[in-house]
N, C-alpha and C. Protein backbone atom coordinates (compact mmCIF):
# COMPACT_ATOMS: atom_id res chain seq x y z
N THR A 1 -28.87 13.19 13.24
CA THR A 1 -28.91 14.61 13.55
C THR A 1 -27.50 15.18 13.50
N ALA A 2 -27.41 16.44 13.23
CA ALA A 2 -26.12 17.11 13.17
C ALA A 2 -26.00 18.07 14.34
N ASN A 3 -24.79 18.20 14.86
CA ASN A 3 -24.61 19.14 15.96
C ASN A 3 -24.59 20.57 15.46
N ARG A 4 -24.45 20.75 14.16
CA ARG A 4 -24.61 22.05 13.51
C ARG A 4 -25.16 21.79 12.12
N GLU A 5 -25.79 22.78 11.54
CA GLU A 5 -26.31 22.61 10.19
C GLU A 5 -25.18 22.49 9.20
N PRO A 6 -25.35 21.71 8.09
CA PRO A 6 -24.31 21.64 7.06
C PRO A 6 -23.99 23.03 6.55
N ARG A 7 -22.72 23.31 6.36
CA ARG A 7 -22.29 24.65 5.99
C ARG A 7 -21.44 24.63 4.73
N THR A 8 -21.40 25.74 4.03
CA THR A 8 -20.60 25.85 2.82
C THR A 8 -19.14 25.99 3.18
N ALA A 9 -18.26 25.89 2.17
CA ALA A 9 -16.83 25.83 2.42
C ALA A 9 -16.30 27.02 3.18
N ASP A 10 -16.85 28.22 2.91
CA ASP A 10 -16.30 29.37 3.60
C ASP A 10 -16.59 29.34 5.09
N ARG A 11 -17.66 28.59 5.47
CA ARG A 11 -17.97 28.47 6.89
C ARG A 11 -17.26 27.29 7.53
N ILE A 12 -16.96 26.28 6.75
CA ILE A 12 -16.20 25.15 7.29
C ILE A 12 -14.74 25.56 7.47
N ALA A 13 -14.30 26.54 6.72
CA ALA A 13 -12.92 27.01 6.76
C ALA A 13 -12.55 27.53 8.15
N PRO A 14 -11.24 27.70 8.42
CA PRO A 14 -10.79 28.07 9.76
C PRO A 14 -11.38 29.36 10.31
N SER A 15 -11.94 30.22 9.48
CA SER A 15 -12.48 31.48 9.97
C SER A 15 -13.83 31.30 10.66
N PHE A 16 -14.45 30.10 10.55
CA PHE A 16 -15.78 29.87 11.11
C PHE A 16 -15.71 29.77 12.63
N VAL A 17 -16.59 30.47 13.31
CA VAL A 17 -16.68 30.41 14.77
C VAL A 17 -17.95 29.67 15.15
N PRO A 18 -17.87 28.50 15.84
CA PRO A 18 -19.05 27.73 16.20
C PRO A 18 -20.03 28.55 17.03
N PRO A 19 -21.34 28.32 16.90
CA PRO A 19 -22.33 29.05 17.67
C PRO A 19 -22.11 28.90 19.16
N GLY A 20 -22.25 29.99 19.90
CA GLY A 20 -22.14 29.93 21.35
C GLY A 20 -20.73 29.96 21.88
N ILE A 21 -19.74 30.06 20.99
CA ILE A 21 -18.34 30.07 21.42
C ILE A 21 -17.73 31.41 21.07
N GLU A 22 -17.18 32.08 22.07
CA GLU A 22 -16.55 33.36 21.83
C GLU A 22 -15.13 33.15 21.32
N PRO A 23 -14.74 33.78 20.20
CA PRO A 23 -13.39 33.62 19.68
C PRO A 23 -12.37 34.28 20.60
N PRO A 24 -11.18 33.69 20.76
CA PRO A 24 -10.14 34.33 21.56
C PRO A 24 -9.83 35.72 21.04
N ALA A 25 -9.54 36.62 21.95
CA ALA A 25 -9.30 38.00 21.55
C ALA A 25 -7.98 38.18 20.83
N THR A 26 -7.03 37.28 21.10
CA THR A 26 -5.68 37.47 20.57
C THR A 26 -5.36 36.60 19.37
N GLN A 27 -6.27 35.73 18.97
CA GLN A 27 -5.97 34.87 17.84
C GLN A 27 -7.25 34.45 17.12
N GLN A 28 -7.10 33.99 15.91
CA GLN A 28 -8.25 33.59 15.12
C GLN A 28 -8.78 32.25 15.61
N ALA A 29 -10.09 32.18 15.80
CA ALA A 29 -10.70 30.93 16.26
C ALA A 29 -10.79 29.95 15.09
N THR A 30 -10.69 28.65 15.38
CA THR A 30 -10.80 27.63 14.33
C THR A 30 -11.82 26.59 14.74
N VAL A 31 -12.51 26.04 13.75
CA VAL A 31 -13.45 24.96 14.02
C VAL A 31 -12.65 23.67 14.12
N GLU A 32 -12.94 22.86 15.13
CA GLU A 32 -12.20 21.62 15.31
C GLU A 32 -12.82 20.49 14.50
N ALA A 33 -14.14 20.40 14.52
CA ALA A 33 -14.80 19.34 13.76
C ALA A 33 -16.26 19.69 13.52
N LEU A 34 -16.73 19.34 12.35
CA LEU A 34 -18.15 19.49 12.00
C LEU A 34 -18.71 18.08 11.85
N CYS A 35 -19.78 17.78 12.59
CA CYS A 35 -20.27 16.40 12.65
C CYS A 35 -21.74 16.29 12.26
N MET A 36 -22.10 15.17 11.67
CA MET A 36 -23.48 14.80 11.45
C MET A 36 -23.63 13.32 11.74
N PHE A 37 -24.30 13.00 12.85
CA PHE A 37 -24.48 11.62 13.29
C PHE A 37 -25.95 11.29 13.46
N LYS A 38 -26.27 10.02 13.42
CA LYS A 38 -27.64 9.58 13.66
C LYS A 38 -28.07 9.97 15.07
N HIS A 39 -29.36 10.18 15.21
CA HIS A 39 -29.92 10.58 16.50
C HIS A 39 -29.55 9.56 17.58
N GLY A 40 -29.02 10.04 18.68
CA GLY A 40 -28.67 9.16 19.79
C GLY A 40 -27.26 8.62 19.75
N ILE A 41 -26.52 8.89 18.68
CA ILE A 41 -25.13 8.43 18.56
C ILE A 41 -24.20 9.62 18.70
N LYS A 42 -23.26 9.53 19.62
CA LYS A 42 -22.29 10.59 19.83
C LYS A 42 -21.04 10.33 18.98
N PRO A 43 -20.39 11.38 18.49
CA PRO A 43 -19.15 11.19 17.71
C PRO A 43 -17.96 10.87 18.61
N GLN A 44 -18.08 9.75 19.31
CA GLN A 44 -17.04 9.31 20.24
C GLN A 44 -16.77 7.83 20.04
N TRP A 45 -15.52 7.43 20.16
CA TRP A 45 -15.17 6.02 20.02
C TRP A 45 -15.93 5.17 21.02
N GLU A 46 -16.12 5.71 22.25
CA GLU A 46 -16.70 4.92 23.33
C GLU A 46 -18.20 4.69 23.18
N ASP A 47 -18.86 5.46 22.34
CA ASP A 47 -20.30 5.28 22.16
C ASP A 47 -20.58 3.83 21.75
N GLN A 48 -21.63 3.26 22.34
CA GLN A 48 -21.95 1.84 22.11
C GLN A 48 -22.10 1.51 20.63
N ALA A 49 -22.65 2.45 19.86
CA ALA A 49 -22.86 2.20 18.44
C ALA A 49 -21.56 2.23 17.65
N ASN A 50 -20.54 2.89 18.19
CA ASN A 50 -19.28 3.06 17.47
C ASN A 50 -18.17 2.11 17.92
N ALA A 51 -18.21 1.72 19.19
CA ALA A 51 -17.07 1.05 19.81
C ALA A 51 -16.54 -0.16 19.03
N ALA A 52 -17.45 -0.99 18.51
CA ALA A 52 -17.03 -2.19 17.79
C ALA A 52 -16.92 -1.96 16.28
N GLY A 53 -17.10 -0.72 15.87
CA GLY A 53 -17.00 -0.38 14.45
C GLY A 53 -15.70 0.33 14.12
N GLY A 54 -15.77 1.20 13.13
CA GLY A 54 -14.55 1.90 12.73
C GLY A 54 -14.89 3.07 11.82
N GLN A 55 -13.91 3.48 11.04
CA GLN A 55 -14.10 4.61 10.16
C GLN A 55 -13.18 4.51 8.94
N TRP A 56 -13.67 5.03 7.84
CA TRP A 56 -12.82 5.27 6.68
C TRP A 56 -12.53 6.77 6.67
N ASN A 57 -11.26 7.16 6.59
CA ASN A 57 -10.93 8.57 6.57
C ASN A 57 -10.05 8.91 5.38
N TRP A 58 -10.09 10.16 4.98
CA TRP A 58 -9.30 10.61 3.84
C TRP A 58 -9.13 12.12 3.91
N ARG A 59 -8.09 12.62 3.28
CA ARG A 59 -7.81 14.06 3.24
C ARG A 59 -8.05 14.56 1.81
N PRO A 60 -9.01 15.43 1.62
CA PRO A 60 -9.26 15.96 0.27
C PRO A 60 -8.22 17.00 -0.11
N ASN A 61 -8.08 17.21 -1.39
CA ASN A 61 -7.23 18.30 -1.86
C ASN A 61 -8.00 19.60 -1.72
N VAL A 62 -7.43 20.57 -1.04
CA VAL A 62 -8.11 21.84 -0.82
C VAL A 62 -7.23 22.98 -1.32
N ASP A 63 -7.88 24.09 -1.64
CA ASP A 63 -7.19 25.28 -2.12
C ASP A 63 -6.62 26.03 -0.93
N GLN A 64 -5.30 26.13 -0.84
CA GLN A 64 -4.65 26.78 0.29
C GLN A 64 -5.01 28.27 0.37
N GLN A 65 -5.22 28.90 -0.77
CA GLN A 65 -5.50 30.33 -0.78
C GLN A 65 -6.94 30.62 -0.36
N ASP A 66 -7.87 29.75 -0.76
CA ASP A 66 -9.28 29.98 -0.46
C ASP A 66 -9.74 29.29 0.82
N LYS A 67 -8.78 28.76 1.60
CA LYS A 67 -9.09 28.15 2.89
C LYS A 67 -10.13 27.05 2.81
N GLY A 68 -9.90 26.10 1.93
CA GLY A 68 -10.77 24.93 1.90
C GLY A 68 -11.88 24.96 0.88
N ALA A 69 -11.78 25.85 -0.11
CA ALA A 69 -12.82 25.89 -1.14
C ALA A 69 -12.93 24.51 -1.78
N GLY A 70 -14.15 24.04 -1.96
CA GLY A 70 -14.37 22.71 -2.53
C GLY A 70 -14.86 21.71 -1.51
N LEU A 71 -14.66 22.01 -0.21
CA LEU A 71 -15.13 21.09 0.83
C LEU A 71 -16.65 20.99 0.83
N ASP A 72 -17.31 22.08 0.48
CA ASP A 72 -18.77 22.08 0.51
C ASP A 72 -19.37 21.05 -0.43
N ALA A 73 -18.73 20.85 -1.60
CA ALA A 73 -19.25 19.88 -2.56
C ALA A 73 -19.14 18.45 -2.02
N LEU A 74 -18.02 18.13 -1.39
CA LEU A 74 -17.84 16.80 -0.80
C LEU A 74 -18.82 16.58 0.34
N TRP A 75 -18.93 17.58 1.21
CA TRP A 75 -19.85 17.48 2.35
C TRP A 75 -21.28 17.28 1.87
N GLU A 76 -21.70 18.09 0.90
CA GLU A 76 -23.07 18.01 0.40
C GLU A 76 -23.36 16.65 -0.22
N GLU A 77 -22.41 16.13 -0.99
CA GLU A 77 -22.62 14.83 -1.64
C GLU A 77 -22.82 13.73 -0.61
N LEU A 78 -22.01 13.74 0.44
CA LEU A 78 -22.09 12.71 1.46
C LEU A 78 -23.36 12.86 2.32
N VAL A 79 -23.65 14.08 2.71
CA VAL A 79 -24.83 14.31 3.55
C VAL A 79 -26.11 13.90 2.83
N LEU A 80 -26.25 14.28 1.56
CA LEU A 80 -27.45 13.92 0.81
C LEU A 80 -27.56 12.41 0.63
N ALA A 81 -26.42 11.75 0.40
CA ALA A 81 -26.43 10.28 0.25
C ALA A 81 -26.85 9.61 1.54
N MET A 82 -26.39 10.15 2.67
CA MET A 82 -26.72 9.55 3.96
C MET A 82 -28.17 9.82 4.36
N ILE A 83 -28.62 11.04 4.19
CA ILE A 83 -29.99 11.38 4.55
C ILE A 83 -30.98 10.63 3.66
N GLY A 84 -30.66 10.55 2.37
CA GLY A 84 -31.55 9.86 1.44
C GLY A 84 -31.43 8.36 1.46
N GLY A 85 -30.39 7.83 2.13
CA GLY A 85 -30.19 6.39 2.18
C GLY A 85 -29.94 5.78 0.82
N ILE A 86 -29.27 6.54 -0.06
CA ILE A 86 -29.05 6.06 -1.43
C ILE A 86 -27.68 5.40 -1.61
N ALA A 87 -26.94 5.22 -0.51
CA ALA A 87 -25.63 4.58 -0.60
C ALA A 87 -25.39 3.74 0.65
N PHE A 88 -24.36 2.91 0.60
CA PHE A 88 -23.93 2.11 1.74
C PHE A 88 -25.06 1.23 2.29
N GLY A 89 -25.78 0.59 1.37
CA GLY A 89 -26.83 -0.33 1.78
C GLY A 89 -27.95 0.34 2.55
N GLY A 90 -28.27 1.58 2.17
CA GLY A 90 -29.32 2.31 2.88
C GLY A 90 -28.85 2.97 4.15
N CYS A 91 -27.53 2.89 4.41
CA CYS A 91 -26.90 3.54 5.57
C CYS A 91 -27.34 2.95 6.91
N ALA A 92 -27.85 1.73 6.91
CA ALA A 92 -28.30 1.11 8.16
C ALA A 92 -27.15 0.97 9.15
N ASN A 93 -25.94 0.74 8.65
CA ASN A 93 -24.79 0.54 9.53
C ASN A 93 -23.82 1.72 9.51
N ILE A 94 -24.24 2.84 8.93
CA ILE A 94 -23.42 4.05 8.95
C ILE A 94 -23.84 4.88 10.16
N CYS A 95 -22.86 5.28 10.98
CA CYS A 95 -23.16 6.02 12.21
C CYS A 95 -23.14 7.53 12.00
N GLY A 96 -22.20 8.01 11.19
CA GLY A 96 -22.13 9.45 11.02
C GLY A 96 -20.93 9.88 10.22
N LEU A 97 -20.80 11.19 10.10
CA LEU A 97 -19.76 11.81 9.27
C LEU A 97 -19.11 12.93 10.05
N ARG A 98 -17.78 13.02 9.95
CA ARG A 98 -17.05 14.13 10.59
C ARG A 98 -16.10 14.76 9.58
N VAL A 99 -15.94 16.09 9.70
CA VAL A 99 -14.88 16.79 8.98
C VAL A 99 -14.02 17.45 10.05
N VAL A 100 -12.78 17.02 10.17
CA VAL A 100 -11.88 17.52 11.21
C VAL A 100 -10.94 18.56 10.61
N ASP A 101 -10.86 19.69 11.26
CA ASP A 101 -9.98 20.76 10.81
C ASP A 101 -8.56 20.50 11.33
N LYS A 102 -7.65 20.20 10.41
CA LYS A 102 -6.26 19.95 10.77
C LYS A 102 -5.35 21.11 10.32
N SER A 103 -5.96 22.26 10.06
CA SER A 103 -5.19 23.41 9.59
C SER A 103 -4.26 23.92 10.70
N ARG A 104 -3.19 24.58 10.27
CA ARG A 104 -2.21 25.09 11.22
C ARG A 104 -1.95 26.57 10.93
N PRO A 105 -1.99 27.41 11.95
CA PRO A 105 -1.71 28.83 11.72
C PRO A 105 -0.22 29.04 11.46
N ALA A 106 0.10 30.17 10.87
CA ALA A 106 1.51 30.50 10.62
C ALA A 106 2.21 30.77 11.95
N TRP A 107 3.47 30.37 12.05
CA TRP A 107 4.25 30.71 13.24
C TRP A 107 5.44 31.57 12.82
N PRO A 108 5.74 32.58 13.64
CA PRO A 108 6.78 33.55 13.26
C PRO A 108 8.18 32.99 13.38
N LYS A 109 9.09 33.60 12.67
CA LYS A 109 10.49 33.24 12.78
C LYS A 109 10.98 33.64 14.16
N GLY A 110 11.70 32.77 14.80
CA GLY A 110 12.18 33.06 16.15
C GLY A 110 13.41 32.26 16.48
N LYS A 111 13.71 32.19 17.75
CA LYS A 111 14.90 31.47 18.20
C LYS A 111 14.83 30.01 17.79
N GLY A 112 15.87 29.54 17.12
CA GLY A 112 15.91 28.15 16.68
C GLY A 112 15.19 27.89 15.39
N ARG A 113 14.54 28.91 14.83
CA ARG A 113 13.82 28.75 13.57
C ARG A 113 14.51 29.58 12.50
N GLN A 114 14.81 28.94 11.38
CA GLN A 114 15.53 29.61 10.31
C GLN A 114 14.60 30.46 9.44
N GLN A 115 13.33 30.10 9.41
CA GLN A 115 12.41 30.84 8.56
C GLN A 115 11.00 30.79 9.14
N ARG A 116 10.19 31.69 8.67
CA ARG A 116 8.81 31.77 9.13
C ARG A 116 8.01 30.58 8.59
N GLY A 117 7.16 29.98 9.43
CA GLY A 117 6.33 28.87 8.99
C GLY A 117 5.04 29.38 8.37
N ARG A 118 4.70 28.85 7.22
CA ARG A 118 3.48 29.28 6.54
C ARG A 118 2.27 28.55 7.10
N ALA A 119 1.14 29.22 7.07
CA ALA A 119 -0.11 28.59 7.50
C ALA A 119 -0.49 27.49 6.51
N THR A 120 -1.08 26.42 7.01
CA THR A 120 -1.52 25.33 6.15
C THR A 120 -3.03 25.16 6.28
N CYS A 121 -3.65 24.71 5.22
CA CYS A 121 -5.09 24.46 5.20
C CYS A 121 -5.28 22.97 4.94
N SER A 122 -5.75 22.23 5.93
CA SER A 122 -5.83 20.78 5.81
C SER A 122 -7.05 20.26 6.58
N TYR A 123 -7.75 19.32 5.97
CA TYR A 123 -8.94 18.75 6.59
C TYR A 123 -8.93 17.23 6.44
N ARG A 124 -9.64 16.54 7.35
CA ARG A 124 -9.79 15.10 7.27
C ARG A 124 -11.27 14.74 7.38
N PHE A 125 -11.76 14.01 6.37
CA PHE A 125 -13.13 13.48 6.41
C PHE A 125 -13.10 12.11 7.09
N GLU A 126 -14.13 11.82 7.86
CA GLU A 126 -14.26 10.52 8.51
C GLU A 126 -15.70 10.01 8.36
N LEU A 127 -15.87 8.84 7.78
CA LEU A 127 -17.18 8.19 7.70
C LEU A 127 -17.18 7.03 8.69
N TRP A 128 -17.96 7.16 9.75
CA TRP A 128 -17.99 6.18 10.83
C TRP A 128 -19.06 5.12 10.58
N PHE A 129 -18.72 3.87 10.87
CA PHE A 129 -19.67 2.77 10.69
C PHE A 129 -19.69 1.88 11.94
N SER A 130 -20.75 1.11 12.08
CA SER A 130 -20.93 0.25 13.25
C SER A 130 -20.37 -1.14 13.01
N SER A 131 -20.62 -2.03 13.96
CA SER A 131 -20.15 -3.41 13.85
C SER A 131 -20.95 -4.20 12.83
N GLY A 132 -21.95 -3.55 12.19
CA GLY A 132 -22.74 -4.23 11.17
C GLY A 132 -21.90 -4.70 10.00
N TYR A 133 -20.78 -4.02 9.76
CA TYR A 133 -19.83 -4.47 8.74
C TYR A 133 -18.79 -5.33 9.46
N GLN A 134 -18.91 -6.64 9.34
CA GLN A 134 -18.11 -7.55 10.15
C GLN A 134 -16.88 -8.11 9.44
N THR A 135 -16.87 -8.08 8.12
CA THR A 135 -15.76 -8.68 7.39
C THR A 135 -14.95 -7.61 6.66
N ASP A 136 -13.72 -7.97 6.32
CA ASP A 136 -12.86 -7.05 5.57
C ASP A 136 -13.48 -6.72 4.21
N GLU A 137 -14.13 -7.70 3.62
CA GLU A 137 -14.76 -7.49 2.32
C GLU A 137 -15.88 -6.45 2.41
N GLU A 138 -16.70 -6.56 3.47
CA GLU A 138 -17.79 -5.60 3.65
C GLU A 138 -17.25 -4.19 3.90
N ARG A 139 -16.19 -4.10 4.68
CA ARG A 139 -15.60 -2.79 4.97
C ARG A 139 -14.95 -2.19 3.72
N ALA A 140 -14.32 -3.05 2.93
CA ALA A 140 -13.72 -2.57 1.68
C ALA A 140 -14.79 -2.05 0.73
N GLY A 141 -16.00 -2.63 0.83
CA GLY A 141 -17.09 -2.18 -0.01
C GLY A 141 -17.49 -0.74 0.28
N ILE A 142 -17.31 -0.30 1.53
CA ILE A 142 -17.61 1.09 1.88
C ILE A 142 -16.66 2.02 1.13
N ALA A 143 -15.37 1.69 1.14
CA ALA A 143 -14.38 2.52 0.45
C ALA A 143 -14.65 2.57 -1.05
N LYS A 144 -15.07 1.44 -1.60
CA LYS A 144 -15.38 1.41 -3.04
C LYS A 144 -16.55 2.33 -3.36
N GLU A 145 -17.59 2.29 -2.52
CA GLU A 145 -18.75 3.17 -2.73
C GLU A 145 -18.38 4.63 -2.54
N LEU A 146 -17.53 4.89 -1.56
CA LEU A 146 -17.07 6.26 -1.34
C LEU A 146 -16.37 6.80 -2.58
N ASP A 147 -15.50 5.98 -3.16
CA ASP A 147 -14.76 6.40 -4.35
C ASP A 147 -15.72 6.67 -5.51
N GLU A 148 -16.69 5.79 -5.69
CA GLU A 148 -17.66 5.97 -6.77
C GLU A 148 -18.53 7.22 -6.55
N LEU A 149 -18.89 7.45 -5.28
CA LEU A 149 -19.76 8.57 -4.95
C LEU A 149 -19.05 9.92 -5.10
N LEU A 150 -17.76 9.96 -4.71
CA LEU A 150 -17.05 11.24 -4.65
C LEU A 150 -16.18 11.52 -5.87
N SER A 151 -15.95 10.52 -6.72
CA SER A 151 -15.10 10.72 -7.90
C SER A 151 -15.58 11.86 -8.80
N PRO A 152 -16.90 12.03 -9.01
CA PRO A 152 -17.33 13.17 -9.83
C PRO A 152 -16.96 14.52 -9.22
N VAL A 153 -16.75 14.55 -7.89
CA VAL A 153 -16.40 15.79 -7.21
C VAL A 153 -14.89 15.95 -7.13
N GLN A 154 -14.21 14.85 -6.74
CA GLN A 154 -12.75 14.89 -6.62
C GLN A 154 -12.18 13.49 -6.79
N ARG A 155 -11.29 13.34 -7.74
CA ARG A 155 -10.70 12.03 -8.03
C ARG A 155 -9.42 11.80 -7.23
N GLY A 156 -9.05 10.53 -7.14
CA GLY A 156 -7.76 10.18 -6.53
C GLY A 156 -7.70 10.29 -5.03
N LEU A 157 -8.83 10.19 -4.34
CA LEU A 157 -8.83 10.25 -2.88
C LEU A 157 -8.25 8.96 -2.31
N ASP A 158 -7.48 9.09 -1.25
CA ASP A 158 -6.81 7.94 -0.63
C ASP A 158 -7.51 7.61 0.68
N PHE A 159 -8.25 6.49 0.70
CA PHE A 159 -9.04 6.13 1.87
C PHE A 159 -8.25 5.21 2.80
N ALA A 160 -8.31 5.51 4.11
CA ALA A 160 -7.60 4.70 5.11
C ALA A 160 -8.60 4.17 6.13
N LEU A 161 -8.47 2.89 6.49
CA LEU A 161 -9.37 2.25 7.44
C LEU A 161 -8.78 2.32 8.85
N LYS A 162 -9.63 2.66 9.82
CA LYS A 162 -9.21 2.69 11.22
C LYS A 162 -10.32 2.13 12.08
N MET A 163 -10.03 1.09 12.85
CA MET A 163 -11.04 0.49 13.73
C MET A 163 -10.98 1.18 15.09
N HIS A 164 -12.14 1.49 15.66
CA HIS A 164 -12.18 2.24 16.91
C HIS A 164 -11.62 1.45 18.08
N GLN A 165 -11.77 0.13 18.06
CA GLN A 165 -11.23 -0.68 19.14
C GLN A 165 -9.73 -0.54 19.22
N GLN A 166 -9.08 -0.43 18.07
CA GLN A 166 -7.64 -0.21 18.02
C GLN A 166 -7.29 1.14 18.64
N SER A 167 -8.09 2.15 18.32
CA SER A 167 -7.86 3.49 18.88
C SER A 167 -8.04 3.48 20.39
N LEU A 168 -9.09 2.76 20.86
CA LEU A 168 -9.34 2.69 22.29
C LEU A 168 -8.20 1.97 23.01
N THR A 169 -7.69 0.90 22.39
CA THR A 169 -6.58 0.14 22.99
C THR A 169 -5.33 1.01 23.07
N GLN A 170 -5.04 1.75 22.00
CA GLN A 170 -3.87 2.63 21.99
C GLN A 170 -4.01 3.73 23.03
N GLU A 171 -5.23 4.28 23.16
CA GLU A 171 -5.44 5.34 24.14
C GLU A 171 -5.28 4.80 25.55
N ALA A 172 -5.81 3.58 25.79
CA ALA A 172 -5.68 2.98 27.12
C ALA A 172 -4.21 2.72 27.45
N ALA A 173 -3.44 2.23 26.47
CA ALA A 173 -2.02 1.97 26.68
C ALA A 173 -1.28 3.27 26.99
N PHE A 174 -1.66 4.34 26.30
CA PHE A 174 -1.03 5.64 26.54
C PHE A 174 -1.32 6.13 27.96
N LEU A 175 -2.58 5.96 28.41
CA LEU A 175 -2.95 6.42 29.74
C LEU A 175 -2.24 5.62 30.83
N VAL A 176 -2.10 4.30 30.59
CA VAL A 176 -1.39 3.45 31.55
C VAL A 176 0.08 3.86 31.63
N ALA A 177 0.70 4.07 30.46
CA ALA A 177 2.11 4.47 30.43
C ALA A 177 2.29 5.83 31.10
N LYS A 178 1.34 6.73 30.88
CA LYS A 178 1.42 8.06 31.49
C LYS A 178 1.31 7.96 33.01
N ALA A 179 0.37 7.13 33.48
CA ALA A 179 0.18 6.95 34.93
C ALA A 179 1.42 6.33 35.56
N GLU A 180 2.01 5.34 34.87
CA GLU A 180 3.21 4.69 35.39
C GLU A 180 4.37 5.68 35.47
N LYS A 181 4.48 6.54 34.47
CA LYS A 181 5.55 7.54 34.45
C LYS A 181 5.37 8.54 35.59
N GLN A 182 4.12 8.98 35.80
CA GLN A 182 3.85 9.91 36.89
C GLN A 182 4.14 9.28 38.25
N ALA A 183 3.79 7.99 38.39
CA ALA A 183 4.06 7.29 39.64
C ALA A 183 5.55 7.15 39.87
N SER A 184 6.30 6.88 38.80
CA SER A 184 7.75 6.74 38.90
C SER A 184 8.40 8.06 39.31
N VAL A 185 7.93 9.16 38.69
CA VAL A 185 8.47 10.48 39.03
C VAL A 185 8.17 10.83 40.48
N ALA A 186 6.93 10.53 40.92
CA ALA A 186 6.54 10.81 42.30
C ALA A 186 7.37 9.99 43.28
N GLU A 187 7.62 8.72 42.91
CA GLU A 187 8.42 7.84 43.77
C GLU A 187 9.85 8.34 43.87
N ALA A 188 10.41 8.77 42.74
CA ALA A 188 11.78 9.29 42.73
C ALA A 188 11.88 10.56 43.57
N ALA A 189 10.86 11.42 43.46
CA ALA A 189 10.85 12.66 44.23
C ALA A 189 10.76 12.37 45.73
N ALA A 190 9.91 11.38 46.10
CA ALA A 190 9.77 11.02 47.51
C ALA A 190 11.07 10.44 48.05
N GLU A 191 11.74 9.62 47.25
CA GLU A 191 13.01 9.03 47.67
C GLU A 191 14.07 10.11 47.85
N SER A 192 14.06 11.09 46.94
CA SER A 192 15.02 12.18 47.02
C SER A 192 14.79 13.00 48.29
N ARG A 193 13.52 13.27 48.63
CA ARG A 193 13.21 14.02 49.85
C ARG A 193 13.63 13.24 51.08
N SER A 194 13.41 11.92 51.04
CA SER A 194 13.79 11.08 52.16
C SER A 194 15.30 11.11 52.39
N GLN A 195 16.07 11.06 51.30
CA GLN A 195 17.53 11.13 51.40
C GLN A 195 17.98 12.48 51.93
N ASP A 196 17.30 13.55 51.47
CA ASP A 196 17.65 14.89 51.97
C ASP A 196 17.36 15.02 53.45
N ASP A 197 16.22 14.46 53.89
CA ASP A 197 15.87 14.51 55.31
C ASP A 197 16.88 13.73 56.14
N ALA A 198 17.30 12.55 55.61
CA ALA A 198 18.27 11.73 56.34
C ALA A 198 19.61 12.46 56.45
N ALA A 199 20.02 13.13 55.36
CA ALA A 199 21.28 13.87 55.36
C ALA A 199 21.21 15.03 56.35
N ALA A 200 20.06 15.71 56.39
CA ALA A 200 19.88 16.82 57.32
C ALA A 200 19.94 16.34 58.76
N ALA A 201 19.34 15.14 59.02
CA ALA A 201 19.36 14.58 60.37
C ALA A 201 20.79 14.22 60.78
N ASP A 202 21.58 13.67 59.87
CA ASP A 202 22.98 13.32 60.16
C ASP A 202 23.79 14.56 60.48
N ASP A 203 23.56 15.62 59.69
CA ASP A 203 24.28 16.87 59.93
C ASP A 203 23.95 17.43 61.32
N GLY A 204 22.69 17.30 61.72
CA GLY A 204 22.28 17.81 63.03
C GLY A 204 22.88 17.00 64.15
N ALA A 205 23.05 15.69 63.92
CA ALA A 205 23.60 14.82 64.95
C ALA A 205 25.08 15.06 65.18
N THR A 206 25.82 15.51 64.16
CA THR A 206 27.27 15.71 64.27
C THR A 206 27.63 17.12 64.72
N ASP A 207 26.66 18.02 64.76
CA ASP A 207 26.98 19.39 65.22
C ASP A 207 27.31 19.37 66.70
N PRO A 208 28.32 20.16 67.12
CA PRO A 208 28.69 20.19 68.56
C PRO A 208 27.58 20.82 69.40
């Protein structure tokens, strides 16, 4: 199932506002990700179906002026292959598909900036798979099929493999480091207050 219906490139582009979400009044709203996953599977690393699996991701070439024109052809090719089960061994071990919006709005010239930053149009496709693909050879086969499937639409795509367990480990390490840093800052602040209180007490004791 998809959390939204498949959409054409002009709707996947940054101007698309997801249903039920009010766009900010002061800036253009952007879509963060468009997902289509099997029923019961959430597009999250922690989901039981995803945790021991991974993803192949790639960035397609998009038209900067047309805000992602051409994405619809890639999306349609993948969605039809997944729904029809005509690729990846019938898609038994494929969990879902995501298109992540990595576009960046223009930022104005200001203090410390020599020139105005131009807006960029950038997207990342992610094909998520389960632990059913257990060997490097099996996982490499997914990338090979992806290349064969999408080459008629766009050639020269660069596929990168990322295992979700690695992402979970990195996230856990980041959270631990963040907690340790916060604890260290709190400890330093408490020690500083204690020293200030001690100094204030000494000053009070020496007053005539």
